[in-house]
C-alpha atoms as a PDB file:
ATOM      1  CA  MET A   1      99.833 187.344 209.766  1.00  0.00           C
ATOM      2  CA  THR A   2     101.912 189.009 212.477  1.00  0.00           C
ATOM      3  CA  LEU A   3     100.204 190.610 215.664  1.00  0.00           C
ATOM      4  CA  ALA A   4     101.053 194.107 214.098  1.00  0.00           C
ATOM      5  CA  GLU A   5      99.328 193.077 210.746  1.00  0.00           C
ATOM      6  CA  ARG A   6      96.382 191.564 212.520  1.00  0.00           C
ATOM      7  CA  SER A   7      96.024 194.931 214.498  1.00  0.00           C
ATOM      8  CA  SER A   8      96.354 197.352 211.614  1.00  0.00           C
ATOM      9  CA  HIS A   9      92.985 196.298 210.272  1.00  0.00           C
ATOM     10  CA  ILE A  10      90.903 196.659 213.451  1.00  0.00           C
ATOM     11  CA  ASP A  11      87.979 199.045 213.451  1.00  0.00           C
ATOM     12  CA  LEU A  12      85.642 197.606 215.914  1.00  0.00           C
ATOM     13  CA  LEU A  13      86.396 196.267 219.310  1.00  0.00           C
ATOM     14  CA  LEU A  14      83.809 193.607 220.394  1.00  0.00           C
ATOM     15  CA  LEU A  15      83.814 192.855 224.013  1.00  0.00           C
ATOM     16  CA  ASP A  16      82.414 189.966 226.222  1.00  0.00           C
ATOM     17  CA  VAL A  17      81.316 191.125 229.494  1.00  0.00           C
ATOM     18  CA  ASP A  18      81.621 188.631 232.554  1.00  0.00           C
ATOM     19  CA  GLY A  19      85.222 187.837 232.880  1.00  0.00           C
ATOM     20  CA  VAL A  20      86.417 190.480 230.163  1.00  0.00           C
ATOM     21  CA  LEU A  21      84.760 193.823 231.327  1.00  0.00           C
ATOM     22  CA  THR A  22      84.344 192.366 234.817  1.00  0.00           C
ATOM     23  CA  GLY A  23      86.389 189.963 236.824  1.00  0.00           C
ATOM     24  CA  GLY A  24      83.610 187.432 236.256  1.00  0.00           C
ATOM     25  CA  GLU A  25      82.014 187.562 239.527  1.00  0.00           C
ATOM     26  CA  ILE A  26      78.219 187.741 239.621  1.00  0.00           C
ATOM     27  CA  ILE A  27      76.988 189.272 242.732  1.00  0.00           C
ATOM     28  CA  TYR A  28      73.380 189.405 243.881  1.00  0.00           C
ATOM     29  CA  SER A  29      71.851 191.548 246.561  1.00  0.00           C
ATOM     30  CA  ASP A  30      69.169 190.003 249.113  1.00  0.00           C
ATOM     31  CA  ASP A  31      66.612 191.625 246.909  1.00  0.00           C
ATOM     32  CA  GLY A  32      67.803 190.021 243.853  1.00  0.00           C
ATOM     33  CA  ARG A  33      69.544 192.710 242.162  1.00  0.00           C
ATOM     34  CA  GLU A  34      72.840 192.064 240.220  1.00  0.00           C
ATOM     35  CA  TRP A  35      75.967 193.858 240.760  1.00  0.00           C
ATOM     36  CA  LYS A  36      79.019 194.075 238.596  1.00  0.00           C
ATOM     37  CA  GLN A  37      82.384 195.856 239.048  1.00  0.00           C
ATOM     38  CA  PHE A  38      84.106 197.342 236.217  1.00  0.00           C
ATOM     39  CA  HIS A  39      87.740 198.920 235.951  1.00  0.00           C
ATOM     40  CA  VAL A  40      88.199 202.583 235.651  1.00  0.00           C
ATOM     41  CA  ARG A  41      90.999 201.977 232.974  1.00  0.00           C
ATOM     42  CA  ASP A  42      88.928 199.811 230.968  1.00  0.00           C
ATOM     43  CA  GLY A  43      86.453 202.569 230.674  1.00  0.00           C
ATOM     44  CA  SER A  44      89.146 205.199 229.929  1.00  0.00           C
ATOM     45  CA  ALA A  45      90.471 202.900 227.139  1.00  0.00           C
ATOM     46  CA  LEU A  46      86.922 202.914 225.642  1.00  0.00           C
ATOM     47  CA  LYS A  47      86.994 206.672 225.481  1.00  0.00           C
ATOM     48  CA  PHE A  48      90.525 206.703 223.929  1.00  0.00           C
ATOM     49  CA  TRP A  49      89.224 204.062 221.444  1.00  0.00           C
ATOM     50  CA  ARG A  50      86.483 206.523 220.270  1.00  0.00           C
ATOM     51  CA  LEU A  51      88.931 209.347 220.342  1.00  0.00           C
ATOM     52  CA  ALA A  52      90.838 207.442 217.653  1.00  0.00           C
ATOM     53  CA  GLY A  53      87.363 207.213 215.421  1.00  0.00           C
ATOM     54  CA  LYS A  54      86.850 203.549 216.152  1.00  0.00           C
ATOM     55  CA  ARG A  55      83.573 201.799 217.305  1.00  0.00           C
ATOM     56  CA  ALA A  56      83.073 199.255 220.398  1.00  0.00           C
ATOM     57  CA  ALA A  57      80.310 196.676 220.773  1.00  0.00           C
ATOM     58  CA  ILE A  58      79.430 194.191 223.751  1.00  0.00           C
ATOM     59  CA  LEU A  59      78.305 190.725 223.102  1.00  0.00           C
ATOM     60  CA  SER A  60      77.100 189.004 226.116  1.00  0.00           C
ATOM     61  CA  GLY A  61      75.502 185.463 226.691  1.00  0.00           C
ATOM     62  CA  ARG A  62      73.735 186.941 229.680  1.00  0.00           C
ATOM     63  CA  THR A  63      71.402 189.760 230.085  1.00  0.00           C
ATOM     64  CA  SER A  64      71.704 192.556 232.861  1.00  0.00           C
ATOM     65  CA  GLN A  65      70.620 196.011 233.116  1.00  0.00           C
ATOM     66  CA  ILE A  66      73.899 197.217 234.794  1.00  0.00           C
ATOM     67  CA  VAL A  67      75.564 196.338 231.300  1.00  0.00           C
ATOM     68  CA  GLU A  68      73.332 198.754 229.462  1.00  0.00           C
ATOM     69  CA  VAL A  69      74.194 201.369 232.003  1.00  0.00           C
ATOM     70  CA  ARG A  70      77.922 200.775 231.691  1.00  0.00           C
ATOM     71  CA  ALA A  71      77.696 200.565 227.906  1.00  0.00           C
ATOM     72  CA  LYS A  72      76.068 204.165 227.814  1.00  0.00           C
ATOM     73  CA  GLU A  73      78.546 205.692 230.405  1.00  0.00           C
ATOM     74  CA  VAL A  74      81.606 204.474 228.156  1.00  0.00           C
ATOM     75  CA  GLY A  75      79.754 205.270 224.780  1.00  0.00           C
ATOM     76  CA  ILE A  76      79.053 201.876 223.401  1.00  0.00           C
ATOM     77  CA  ALA A  77      75.781 202.161 221.435  1.00  0.00           C
ATOM     78  CA  LEU A  78      76.082 198.418 220.032  1.00  0.00           C
ATOM     79  CA  VAL A  79      74.966 196.161 222.800  1.00  0.00           C
ATOM     80  CA  MET A  80      73.969 192.327 222.230  1.00  0.00           C
ATOM     81  CA  GLN A  81      72.827 190.722 225.433  1.00  0.00           C
ATOM     82  CA  GLY A  82      71.285 187.216 225.904  1.00  0.00           C
ATOM     83  CA  ALA A  83      73.256 185.895 222.834  1.00  0.00           C
ATOM     84  CA  GLY A  84      72.967 182.134 223.114  1.00  0.00           C
ATOM     85  CA  ASP A  85      74.572 181.670 219.995  1.00  0.00           C
ATOM     86  CA  LYS A  86      77.373 184.304 219.837  1.00  0.00           C
ATOM     87  CA  LEU A  87      78.560 183.413 216.344  1.00  0.00           C
ATOM     88  CA  ALA A  88      75.021 184.040 214.789  1.00  0.00           C
ATOM     89  CA  ALA A  89      75.089 187.354 216.931  1.00  0.00           C
ATOM     90  CA  PHE A  90      78.482 188.077 215.548  1.00  0.00           C
ATOM     91  CA  ARG A  91      77.339 187.749 212.012  1.00  0.00           C
ATOM     92  CA  GLY A  92      74.445 189.821 212.671  1.00  0.00           C
ATOM     93  CA  LEU A  93      76.627 192.543 213.913  1.00  0.00           C
ATOM     94  CA  LEU A  94      78.754 192.488 210.805  1.00  0.00           C
ATOM     95  CA  GLU A  95      75.541 192.552 208.617  1.00  0.00           C
ATOM     96  CA  ARG A  96      74.174 195.748 210.506  1.00  0.00           C
ATOM     97  CA  THR A  97      77.539 197.555 210.421  1.00  0.00           C
ATOM     98  CA  GLY A  98      79.065 196.637 207.110  1.00  0.00           C
ATOM     99  CA  ILE A  99      82.253 195.625 208.921  1.00  0.00           C
ATOM    100  CA  HIS A 100      84.313 192.689 207.757  1.00  0.00           C
ATOM    101  CA  PRO A 101      85.509 189.937 210.261  1.00  0.00           C
ATOM    102  CA  GLN A 102      89.168 191.000 209.830  1.00  0.00           C
ATOM    103  CA  GLN A 103      88.247 194.529 210.961  1.00  0.00           C
ATOM    104  CA  VAL A 104      87.111 193.110 214.390  1.00  0.00           C
ATOM    105  CA  CYS A 105      88.984 192.439 217.496  1.00  0.00           C
ATOM    106  CA  TYR A 106      87.051 190.196 219.898  1.00  0.00           C
ATOM    107  CA  ILE A 107      87.991 189.808 223.327  1.00  0.00           C
ATOM    108  CA  GLY A 108      86.831 186.711 225.365  1.00  0.00           C
ATOM    109  CA  ASP A 109      87.617 184.404 228.269  1.00  0.00           C
ATOM    110  CA  ASP A 110      85.475 181.214 228.184  1.00  0.00           C
ATOM    111  CA  LEU A 111      84.279 178.584 225.759  1.00  0.00           C
ATOM    112  CA  PRO A 112      81.236 180.351 224.379  1.00  0.00           C
ATOM    113  CA  ASP A 113      83.681 182.948 223.032  1.00  0.00           C
ATOM    114  CA  LEU A 114      85.456 180.478 220.718  1.00  0.00           C
ATOM    115  CA  PRO A 115      83.440 180.371 217.692  1.00  0.00           C
ATOM    116  CA  VAL A 116      83.676 184.503 217.618  1.00  0.00           C
ATOM    117  CA  LEU A 117      87.476 184.292 218.359  1.00  0.00           C
ATOM    118  CA  GLY A 118      87.858 181.990 215.362  1.00  0.00           C
ATOM    119  CA  HIS A 119      86.057 184.370 213.049  1.00  0.00           C
ATOM    120  CA  SER A 120      87.662 187.710 214.107  1.00  0.00           C
ATOM    121  CA  GLY A 121      90.662 189.492 212.617  1.00  0.00           C
ATOM    122  CA  LEU A 122      92.355 189.706 216.024  1.00  0.00           C
ATOM    123  CA  ALA A 123      91.517 187.345 218.870  1.00  0.00           C
ATOM    124  CA  ILE A 124      92.433 188.440 222.219  1.00  0.00           C
ATOM    125  CA  ALA A 125      92.014 186.334 225.541  1.00  0.00           C
ATOM    126  CA  VAL A 126      92.281 187.816 228.927  1.00  0.00           C
ATOM    127  CA  ALA A 127      95.173 186.507 231.262  1.00  0.00           C
ATOM    128  CA  ASP A 128      92.685 184.398 233.261  1.00  0.00           C
ATOM    129  CA  ALA A 129      90.754 182.834 230.321  1.00  0.00           C
ATOM    130  CA  CYS A 130      90.223 179.307 230.196  1.00  0.00           C
ATOM    131  CA  PRO A 131      93.119 177.217 228.469  1.00  0.00           C
ATOM    132  CA  GLU A 132      91.084 176.659 225.287  1.00  0.00           C
ATOM    133  CA  VAL A 133      90.360 180.221 224.657  1.00  0.00           C
ATOM    134  CA  MET A 134      94.079 181.189 225.372  1.00  0.00           C
ATOM    135  CA  ALA A 135      95.098 178.564 222.728  1.00  0.00           C
ATOM    136  CA  ALA A 136      92.750 180.005 220.224  1.00  0.00           C
ATOM    137  CA  ALA A 137      94.067 183.600 220.868  1.00  0.00           C
ATOM    138  CA  ASP A 138      96.355 185.792 218.866  1.00  0.00           C
ATOM    139  CA  TYR A 139      97.282 187.676 221.958  1.00  0.00           C
ATOM    140  CA  VAL A 140      96.789 186.868 225.719  1.00  0.00           C
ATOM    141  CA  THR A 141      96.746 190.002 227.750  1.00  0.00           C
ATOM    142  CA  ARG A 142      98.888 190.324 231.002  1.00  0.00           C
ATOM    143  CA  ALA A 143      95.916 191.740 232.774  1.00  0.00           C
ATOM    144  CA  ALA A 144      93.055 189.506 233.880  1.00  0.00           C
ATOM    145  CA  GLY A 145      89.335 190.159 233.048  1.00  0.00           C
ATOM    146  CA  GLY A 146      87.930 193.180 234.916  1.00  0.00           C
ATOM    147  CA  ARG A 147      91.624 194.254 235.893  1.00  0.00           C
ATOM    148  CA  GLY A 148      92.619 196.327 232.841  1.00  0.00           C
ATOM    149  CA  ALA A 149      92.654 193.822 230.062  1.00  0.00           C
ATOM    150  CA  VAL A 150      90.601 195.891 227.784  1.00  0.00           C
ATOM    151  CA  ARG A 151      92.727 198.809 228.389  1.00  0.00           C
ATOM    152  CA  GLU A 152      95.841 196.667 227.483  1.00  0.00           C
ATOM    153  CA  ALA A 153      94.371 195.433 224.207  1.00  0.00           C
ATOM    154  CA  VAL A 154      93.262 198.917 223.218  1.00  0.00           C
ATOM    155  CA  GLU A 155      96.887 200.178 223.748  1.00  0.00           C
ATOM    156  CA  LEU A 156      98.203 197.512 221.999  1.00  0.00           C
ATOM    157  CA  ILE A 157      96.085 198.110 218.883  1.00  0.00           C
ATOM    158  CA  LEU A 158      96.248 201.759 218.882  1.00  0.00           C
ATOM    159  CA  ARG A 159     100.133 201.682 219.221  1.00  0.00           C
ATOM    160  CA  SER A 160     100.167 199.181 216.378  1.00  0.00           C
ATOM    161  CA  GLN A 161      98.084 201.653 214.194  1.00  0.00           C
ATOM    162  CA  GLY A 162      99.785 204.715 215.231  1.00  0.00           C
ATOM    163  CA  HIS A 163      97.235 206.394 217.084  1.00  0.00           C
ATOM    164  CA  TRP A 164      98.481 206.036 220.726  1.00  0.00           C
ATOM    165  CA  ALA A 165     100.813 208.951 220.516  1.00  0.00           C
ATOM    166  CA  GLY A 166      98.072 211.363 219.511  1.00  0.00           C
ATOM    167  CA  ILE A 167      95.988 210.086 222.483  1.00  0.00           C
ATOM    168  CA  VAL A 168      98.735 210.542 224.959  1.00  0.00           C
ATOM    169  CA  GLU A 169      99.368 214.231 223.512  1.00  0.00           C
ATOM    170  CA  ARG A 170      95.769 215.210 224.696  1.00  0.00           C
ATOM    171  CA  TYR A 171      96.988 214.920 228.235  1.00  0.00           C
ATOM    172  CA  PRO A 172     100.103 217.222 228.519  1.00  0.00           C
ATOM    173  CA  ASN A 173     102.283 216.804 231.654  1.00  0.00           C
ATOM    174  CA  GLU A 174     103.285 220.091 232.765  1.00  0.00           C
ATOM    175  CA  ASP A 175     106.509 218.661 234.477  1.00  0.00           C
ATOM    176  CA  ARG A 176     107.790 217.759 230.900  1.00  0.00           C
END
């Protein structure tokens, strides 16, 4: 299948966190609190995704309270953290949502993401993913994880599905 054909079936965007929604850095304060940095355009992309009538979910091997905060902020209700076996968590998500694997785009960056990438309708690796993930991907973003890769993927899919122009029209430019 071509990239456009794979993209045409996507209804659920499934995201890893560290290395995809963030640059992969895990920062701790002196009192042990965890800090993460998220890119604003990735957050905007998730809003655009919802405007197109699509769903998004998070699948992370780690657990962090800040992920719950960010998910709520960007409208993601399906959050699976602490998933030691990402493929089992993925299968559980499919069962709960009634979504078929070919309707899922998974974005990953590291070896634990390989099983889900291999079972998703559209497998995307971020630009700074490990070589094995890049080799398994249907598409590799130009942007690095935490630097707009999710935005790039959302635009790619929504353009392919014919939804992007409608999103852009919601933001008129008075100079046109």
